[in-house]
PDB file of all heavy atoms in Angstrom:
ATOM      1  N   PRO A   1     -26.965 -51.447 -15.690  1.00  0.00           N
ATOM      2  CA  PRO A   1     -26.858 -50.376 -14.694  1.00  0.00           C
ATOM      3  C   PRO A   1     -27.110 -50.843 -13.259  1.00  0.00           C
ATOM      4  O   PRO A   1     -26.439 -50.394 -12.324  1.00  0.00           O
ATOM      5  CB  PRO A   1     -27.917 -49.362 -15.143  1.00  0.00           C
ATOM      6  CG  PRO A   1     -28.010 -49.571 -16.616  1.00  0.00           C
ATOM      7  CD  PRO A   1     -27.852 -51.050 -16.804  1.00  0.00           C
ATOM      8  N   ASP A   2     -28.059 -51.775 -13.052  1.00  0.00           N
ATOM      9  CA  ASP A   2     -28.320 -52.253 -11.694  1.00  0.00           C
ATOM     10  C   ASP A   2     -27.122 -53.006 -11.140  1.00  0.00           C
ATOM     11  O   ASP A   2     -26.829 -52.939  -9.937  1.00  0.00           O
ATOM     12  CB  ASP A   2     -29.570 -53.138 -11.668  1.00  0.00           C
ATOM     13  CG  ASP A   2     -29.417 -54.405 -12.495  1.00  0.00           C
ATOM     14  OD1 ASP A   2     -28.913 -54.328 -13.629  1.00  0.00           O
ATOM     15  OD2 ASP A   2     -29.818 -55.492 -12.021  1.00  0.00           O
ATOM     16  N   ALA A   3     -26.384 -53.710 -12.004  1.00  0.00           N
ATOM     17  CA  ALA A   3     -25.204 -54.450 -11.558  1.00  0.00           C
ATOM     18  C   ALA A   3     -24.079 -53.504 -11.164  1.00  0.00           C
ATOM     19  O   ALA A   3     -23.348 -53.756 -10.194  1.00  0.00           O
ATOM     20  CB  ALA A   3     -24.734 -55.396 -12.656  1.00  0.00           C
ATOM     21  N   MET A   4     -23.943 -52.405 -11.897  1.00  0.00           N
ATOM     22  CA  MET A   4     -22.932 -51.415 -11.543  1.00  0.00           C
ATOM     23  C   MET A   4     -23.255 -50.805 -10.177  1.00  0.00           C
ATOM     24  O   MET A   4     -22.377 -50.676  -9.313  1.00  0.00           O
ATOM     25  CB  MET A   4     -22.859 -50.321 -12.614  1.00  0.00           C
ATOM     26  CG  MET A   4     -21.781 -49.284 -12.349  1.00  0.00           C
ATOM     27  SD  MET A   4     -21.682 -48.031 -13.663  1.00  0.00           S
ATOM     28  CE  MET A   4     -20.865 -48.940 -14.960  1.00  0.00           C
ATOM     29  N   ARG A   5     -24.524 -50.472  -9.962  1.00  0.00           N
ATOM     30  CA  ARG A   5     -24.919 -49.895  -8.670  1.00  0.00           C
ATOM     31  C   ARG A   5     -24.724 -50.905  -7.543  1.00  0.00           C
ATOM     32  O   ARG A   5     -24.244 -50.562  -6.454  1.00  0.00           O
ATOM     33  CB  ARG A   5     -26.385 -49.453  -8.718  1.00  0.00           C
ATOM     34  CG  ARG A   5     -26.653 -48.242  -9.599  1.00  0.00           C
ATOM     35  CD  ARG A   5     -28.083 -47.751  -9.450  1.00  0.00           C
ATOM     36  NE  ARG A   5     -29.058 -48.659 -10.045  1.00  0.00           N
ATOM     37  CZ  ARG A   5     -29.535 -48.528 -11.280  1.00  0.00           C
ATOM     38  NH1 ARG A   5     -29.117 -47.555 -12.060  1.00  0.00           N
ATOM     39  NH2 ARG A   5     -30.441 -49.383 -11.740  1.00  0.00           N
ATOM     40  N   PHE A   6     -25.104 -52.156  -7.796  1.00  0.00           N
ATOM     41  CA  PHE A   6     -25.021 -53.191  -6.765  1.00  0.00           C
ATOM     42  C   PHE A   6     -23.577 -53.476  -6.379  1.00  0.00           C
ATOM     43  O   PHE A   6     -23.244 -53.539  -5.186  1.00  0.00           O
ATOM     44  CB  PHE A   6     -25.696 -54.460  -7.282  1.00  0.00           C
ATOM     45  CG  PHE A   6     -25.762 -55.584  -6.284  1.00  0.00           C
ATOM     46  CD1 PHE A   6     -26.448 -55.432  -5.085  1.00  0.00           C
ATOM     47  CD2 PHE A   6     -25.151 -56.803  -6.550  1.00  0.00           C
ATOM     48  CE1 PHE A   6     -26.526 -56.477  -4.173  1.00  0.00           C
ATOM     49  CE2 PHE A   6     -25.220 -57.852  -5.650  1.00  0.00           C
ATOM     50  CZ  PHE A   6     -25.913 -57.685  -4.450  1.00  0.00           C
ATOM     51  N   SER A   7     -22.709 -53.640  -7.346  1.00  0.00           N
ATOM     52  CA  SER A   7     -21.310 -53.925  -7.029  1.00  0.00           C
ATOM     53  C   SER A   7     -20.664 -52.748  -6.299  1.00  0.00           C
ATOM     54  O   SER A   7     -19.885 -52.937  -5.356  1.00  0.00           O
ATOM     55  CB  SER A   7     -20.519 -54.291  -8.289  1.00  0.00           C
ATOM     56  OG  SER A   7     -20.690 -53.330  -9.306  1.00  0.00           O
ATOM     57  N   ALA A   8     -21.009 -51.520  -6.706  1.00  0.00           N
ATOM     58  CA  ALA A   8     -20.473 -50.337  -6.014  1.00  0.00           C
ATOM     59  C   ALA A   8     -20.995 -50.266  -4.580  1.00  0.00           C
ATOM     60  O   ALA A   8     -20.258 -49.915  -3.652  1.00  0.00           O
ATOM     61  CB  ALA A   8     -20.839 -49.072  -6.776  1.00  0.00           C
ATOM     62  N   ALA A   9     -22.264 -50.630  -4.365  1.00  0.00           N
ATOM     63  CA  ALA A   9     -22.846 -50.619  -3.020  1.00  0.00           C
ATOM     64  C   ALA A   9     -22.186 -51.673  -2.130  1.00  0.00           C
ATOM     65  O   ALA A   9     -21.925 -51.426  -0.949  1.00  0.00           O
ATOM     66  CB  ALA A   9     -24.347 -50.857  -3.097  1.00  0.00           C
ATOM     67  N   LEU A  10     -21.915 -52.843  -2.680  1.00  0.00           N
ATOM     68  CA  LEU A  10     -21.243 -53.884  -1.902  1.00  0.00           C
ATOM     69  C   LEU A  10     -19.832 -53.441  -1.512  1.00  0.00           C
ATOM     70  O   LEU A  10     -19.393 -53.661  -0.385  1.00  0.00           O
ATOM     71  CB  LEU A  10     -21.173 -55.189  -2.702  1.00  0.00           C
ATOM     72  CG  LEU A  10     -22.490 -55.891  -3.024  1.00  0.00           C
ATOM     73  CD1 LEU A  10     -22.219 -57.208  -3.743  1.00  0.00           C
ATOM     74  CD2 LEU A  10     -23.304 -56.144  -1.763  1.00  0.00           C
ATOM     75  N   LYS A  11     -19.140 -52.834  -2.460  1.00  0.00           N
ATOM     76  CA  LYS A  11     -17.783 -52.345  -2.172  1.00  0.00           C
ATOM     77  C   LYS A  11     -17.827 -51.289  -1.070  1.00  0.00           C
ATOM     78  O   LYS A  11     -17.016 -51.303  -0.137  1.00  0.00           O
ATOM     79  CB  LYS A  11     -17.171 -51.762  -3.442  1.00  0.00           C
ATOM     80  CG  LYS A  11     -15.697 -51.416  -3.320  1.00  0.00           C
ATOM     81  CD  LYS A  11     -14.858 -52.669  -3.269  1.00  0.00           C
ATOM     82  CE  LYS A  11     -13.378 -52.325  -3.347  1.00  0.00           C
ATOM     83  NZ  LYS A  11     -12.539 -53.543  -3.260  1.00  0.00           N
ATOM     84  N   ALA A  12     -18.790 -50.374  -1.157  1.00  0.00           N
ATOM     85  CA  ALA A  12     -18.926 -49.325  -0.143  1.00  0.00           C
ATOM     86  C   ALA A  12     -19.280 -49.904   1.220  1.00  0.00           C
ATOM     87  O   ALA A  12     -18.923 -49.339   2.261  1.00  0.00           O
ATOM     88  CB  ALA A  12     -19.994 -48.314  -0.576  1.00  0.00           C
ATOM     89  N   ALA A  13     -19.978 -51.056   1.226  1.00  0.00           N
ATOM     90  CA  ALA A  13     -20.357 -51.708   2.480  1.00  0.00           C
ATOM     91  C   ALA A  13     -19.206 -52.522   3.077  1.00  0.00           C
ATOM     92  O   ALA A  13     -19.363 -53.105   4.151  1.00  0.00           O
ATOM     93  CB  ALA A  13     -21.564 -52.613   2.243  1.00  0.00           C
ATOM     94  N   GLY A  14     -18.077 -52.570   2.372  1.00  0.00           N
ATOM     95  CA  GLY A  14     -16.898 -53.240   2.910  1.00  0.00           C
ATOM     96  C   GLY A  14     -16.697 -54.674   2.465  1.00  0.00           C
ATOM     97  O   GLY A  14     -15.789 -55.359   2.956  1.00  0.00           O
ATOM     98  N   LEU A  15     -17.515 -55.155   1.534  1.00  0.00           N
ATOM     99  CA  LEU A  15     -17.322 -56.522   1.059  1.00  0.00           C
ATOM    100  C   LEU A  15     -16.160 -56.578   0.075  1.00  0.00           C
ATOM    101  O   LEU A  15     -15.875 -55.607  -0.633  1.00  0.00           O
ATOM    102  CB  LEU A  15     -18.587 -57.048   0.354  1.00  0.00           C
ATOM    103  CG  LEU A  15     -19.658 -57.664   1.275  1.00  0.00           C
ATOM    104  CD1 LEU A  15     -20.386 -56.591   2.062  1.00  0.00           C
ATOM    105  CD2 LEU A  15     -20.635 -58.504   0.459  1.00  0.00           C
ATOM    106  N   ARG A  16     -15.510 -57.732   0.050  1.00  0.00           N
ATOM    107  CA  ARG A  16     -14.494 -57.983  -0.963  1.00  0.00           C
ATOM    108  C   ARG A  16     -15.185 -58.567  -2.185  1.00  0.00           C
ATOM    109  O   ARG A  16     -16.103 -59.379  -2.055  1.00  0.00           O
ATOM    110  CB  ARG A  16     -13.434 -58.946  -0.432  1.00  0.00           C
ATOM    111  CG  ARG A  16     -12.661 -58.369   0.752  1.00  0.00           C
ATOM    112  CD  ARG A  16     -11.711 -59.383   1.341  1.00  0.00           C
ATOM    113  NE  ARG A  16     -10.980 -58.826   2.469  1.00  0.00           N
ATOM    114  CZ  ARG A  16     -10.113 -59.509   3.210  1.00  0.00           C
ATOM    115  NH1 ARG A  16      -9.886 -60.788   2.944  1.00  0.00           N
ATOM    116  NH2 ARG A  16      -9.490 -58.923   4.202  1.00  0.00           N
ATOM    117  N   LEU A  17     -14.725 -58.169  -3.360  1.00  0.00           N
ATOM    118  CA  LEU A  17     -15.388 -58.578  -4.598  1.00  0.00           C
ATOM    119  C   LEU A  17     -14.433 -59.364  -5.489  1.00  0.00           C
ATOM    120  O   LEU A  17     -13.258 -59.007  -5.621  1.00  0.00           O
ATOM    121  CB  LEU A  17     -15.899 -57.359  -5.364  1.00  0.00           C
ATOM    122  CG  LEU A  17     -16.800 -56.368  -4.623  1.00  0.00           C
ATOM    123  CD1 LEU A  17     -17.313 -55.311  -5.591  1.00  0.00           C
ATOM    124  CD2 LEU A  17     -17.956 -57.070  -3.938  1.00  0.00           C
ATOM    125  N   ALA A  18     -14.970 -60.417  -6.093  1.00  0.00           N
ATOM    126  CA  ALA A  18     -14.172 -61.227  -7.018  1.00  0.00           C
ATOM    127  C   ALA A  18     -14.978 -61.541  -8.261  1.00  0.00           C
ATOM    128  O   ALA A  18     -16.208 -61.644  -8.221  1.00  0.00           O
ATOM    129  CB  ALA A  18     -13.731 -62.520  -6.345  1.00  0.00           C
ATOM    130  N   LEU A  19     -14.277 -61.696  -9.372  1.00  0.00           N
ATOM    131  CA  LEU A  19     -14.876 -62.136 -10.628  1.00  0.00           C
ATOM    132  C   LEU A  19     -14.546 -63.608 -10.821  1.00  0.00           C
ATOM    133  O   LEU A  19     -13.403 -64.025 -10.623  1.00  0.00           O
ATOM    134  CB  LEU A  19     -14.305 -61.340 -11.807  1.00  0.00           C
ATOM    135  CG  LEU A  19     -14.546 -59.830 -11.802  1.00  0.00           C
ATOM    136  CD1 LEU A  19     -13.740 -59.170 -12.920  1.00  0.00           C
ATOM    137  CD2 LEU A  19     -16.027 -59.524 -11.967  1.00  0.00           C
ATOM    138  N   ALA A  20     -15.541 -64.386 -11.208  1.00  0.00           N
ATOM    139  CA  ALA A  20     -15.308 -65.816 -11.430  1.00  0.00           C
ATOM    140  C   ALA A  20     -16.191 -66.291 -12.575  1.00  0.00           C
ATOM    141  O   ALA A  20     -17.138 -67.037 -12.381  1.00  0.00           O
ATOM    142  CB  ALA A  20     -15.576 -66.617 -10.166  1.00  0.00           C
ATOM    143  N   SER A  21     -15.854 -65.825 -13.764  1.00  0.00           N
ATOM    144  CA  SER A  21     -16.579 -66.217 -14.968  1.00  0.00           C
ATOM    145  C   SER A  21     -15.802 -67.307 -15.687  1.00  0.00           C
ATOM    146  O   SER A  21     -14.570 -67.355 -15.611  1.00  0.00           O
ATOM    147  CB  SER A  21     -16.735 -65.002 -15.890  1.00  0.00           C
ATOM    148  OG  SER A  21     -17.204 -65.388 -17.156  1.00  0.00           O
ATOM    149  N   SER A  22     -16.512 -68.163 -16.393  1.00  0.00           N
ATOM    150  CA  SER A  22     -15.845 -69.153 -17.229  1.00  0.00           C
ATOM    151  C   SER A  22     -15.160 -68.489 -18.423  1.00  0.00           C
ATOM    152  O   SER A  22     -14.272 -69.064 -19.031  1.00  0.00           O
ATOM    153  CB  SER A  22     -16.853 -70.186 -17.737  1.00  0.00           C
ATOM    154  OG  SER A  22     -17.477 -70.843 -16.660  1.00  0.00           O
ATOM    155  N   SER A  23     -15.568 -67.277 -18.738  1.00  0.00           N
ATOM    156  CA  SER A  23     -15.044 -66.557 -19.901  1.00  0.00           C
ATOM    157  C   SER A  23     -13.700 -65.897 -19.614  1.00  0.00           C
ATOM    158  O   SER A  23     -13.498 -65.308 -18.551  1.00  0.00           O
ATOM    159  CB  SER A  23     -16.046 -65.484 -20.337  1.00  0.00           C
ATOM    160  OG  SER A  23     -15.477 -64.638 -21.318  1.00  0.00           O
ATOM    161  N   ARG A  24     -12.811 -65.964 -20.582  1.00  0.00           N
ATOM    162  CA  ARG A  24     -11.522 -65.278 -20.463  1.00  0.00           C
ATOM    163  C   ARG A  24     -11.614 -63.824 -20.918  1.00  0.00           C
ATOM    164  O   ARG A  24     -10.622 -63.096 -20.861  1.00  0.00           O
ATOM    165  CB  ARG A  24     -10.473 -66.011 -21.302  1.00  0.00           C
ATOM    166  CG  ARG A  24     -10.159 -67.406 -20.783  1.00  0.00           C
ATOM    167  CD  ARG A  24      -9.191 -68.133 -21.680  1.00  0.00           C
ATOM    168  NE  ARG A  24      -8.901 -69.464 -21.159  1.00  0.00           N
ATOM    169  CZ  ARG A  24      -8.215 -70.393 -21.796  1.00  0.00           C
ATOM    170  NH1 ARG A  24      -7.739 -70.126 -22.996  1.00  0.00           N
ATOM    171  NH2 ARG A  24      -7.994 -71.572 -21.251  1.00  0.00           N
ATOM    172  N   ASN A  25     -12.784 -63.409 -21.373  1.00  0.00           N
ATOM    173  CA  ASN A  25     -12.954 -62.052 -21.888  1.00  0.00           C
ATOM    174  C   ASN A  25     -13.492 -61.080 -20.844  1.00  0.00           C
ATOM    175  O   ASN A  25     -13.704 -59.910 -21.138  1.00  0.00           O
ATOM    176  CB  ASN A  25     -13.915 -62.067 -23.085  1.00  0.00           C
ATOM    177  CG  ASN A  25     -13.455 -62.977 -24.196  1.00  0.00           C
ATOM    178  OD1 ASN A  25     -13.911 -64.104 -24.302  1.00  0.00           O
ATOM    179  ND2 ASN A  25     -12.531 -62.504 -25.016  1.00  0.00           N
ATOM    180  N   ALA A  26     -13.717 -61.557 -19.614  1.00  0.00           N
ATOM    181  CA  ALA A  26     -14.382 -60.739 -18.606  1.00  0.00           C
ATOM    182  C   ALA A  26     -13.626 -59.445 -18.319  1.00  0.00           C
ATOM    183  O   ALA A  26     -14.198 -58.353 -18.357  1.00  0.00           O
ATOM    184  CB  ALA A  26     -14.562 -61.541 -17.321  1.00  0.00           C
ATOM    185  N   ALA A  27     -12.334 -59.552 -18.020  1.00  0.00           N
ATOM    186  CA  ALA A  27     -11.561 -58.356 -17.659  1.00  0.00           C
ATOM    187  C   ALA A  27     -11.507 -57.361 -18.813  1.00  0.00           C
ATOM    188  O   ALA A  27     -11.568 -56.142 -18.596  1.00  0.00           O
ATOM    189  CB  ALA A  27     -10.153 -58.752 -17.225  1.00  0.00           C
ATOM    190  N   ALA A  28     -11.416 -57.863 -20.038  1.00  0.00           N
ATOM    191  CA  ALA A  28     -11.354 -56.973 -21.204  1.00  0.00           C
ATOM    192  C   ALA A  28     -12.613 -56.124 -21.313  1.00  0.00           C
ATOM    193  O   ALA A  28     -12.543 -54.937 -21.668  1.00  0.00           O
ATOM    194  CB  ALA A  28     -11.163 -57.801 -22.469  1.00  0.00           C
ATOM    195  N   MET A  29     -13.761 -56.714 -20.987  1.00  0.00           N
ATOM    196  CA  MET A  29     -15.003 -55.949 -21.044  1.00  0.00           C
ATOM    197  C   MET A  29     -15.095 -54.966 -19.886  1.00  0.00           C
ATOM    198  O   MET A  29     -15.394 -53.783 -20.078  1.00  0.00           O
ATOM    199  CB  MET A  29     -16.205 -56.899 -21.042  1.00  0.00           C
ATOM    200  CG  MET A  29     -16.358 -57.698 -22.320  1.00  0.00           C
ATOM    201  SD  MET A  29     -17.920 -58.632 -22.423  1.00  0.00           S
ATOM    202  CE  MET A  29     -17.594 -59.929 -21.209  1.00  0.00           C
TER     203      MET A  29
END
């Protein structure tokens, strides 16, 4: 839950967000 709040707060603050996991399953989750 803290990660959901944090990423939403960063987006609201105008930051661009990217995913960079070694896992290929990230988007599916």
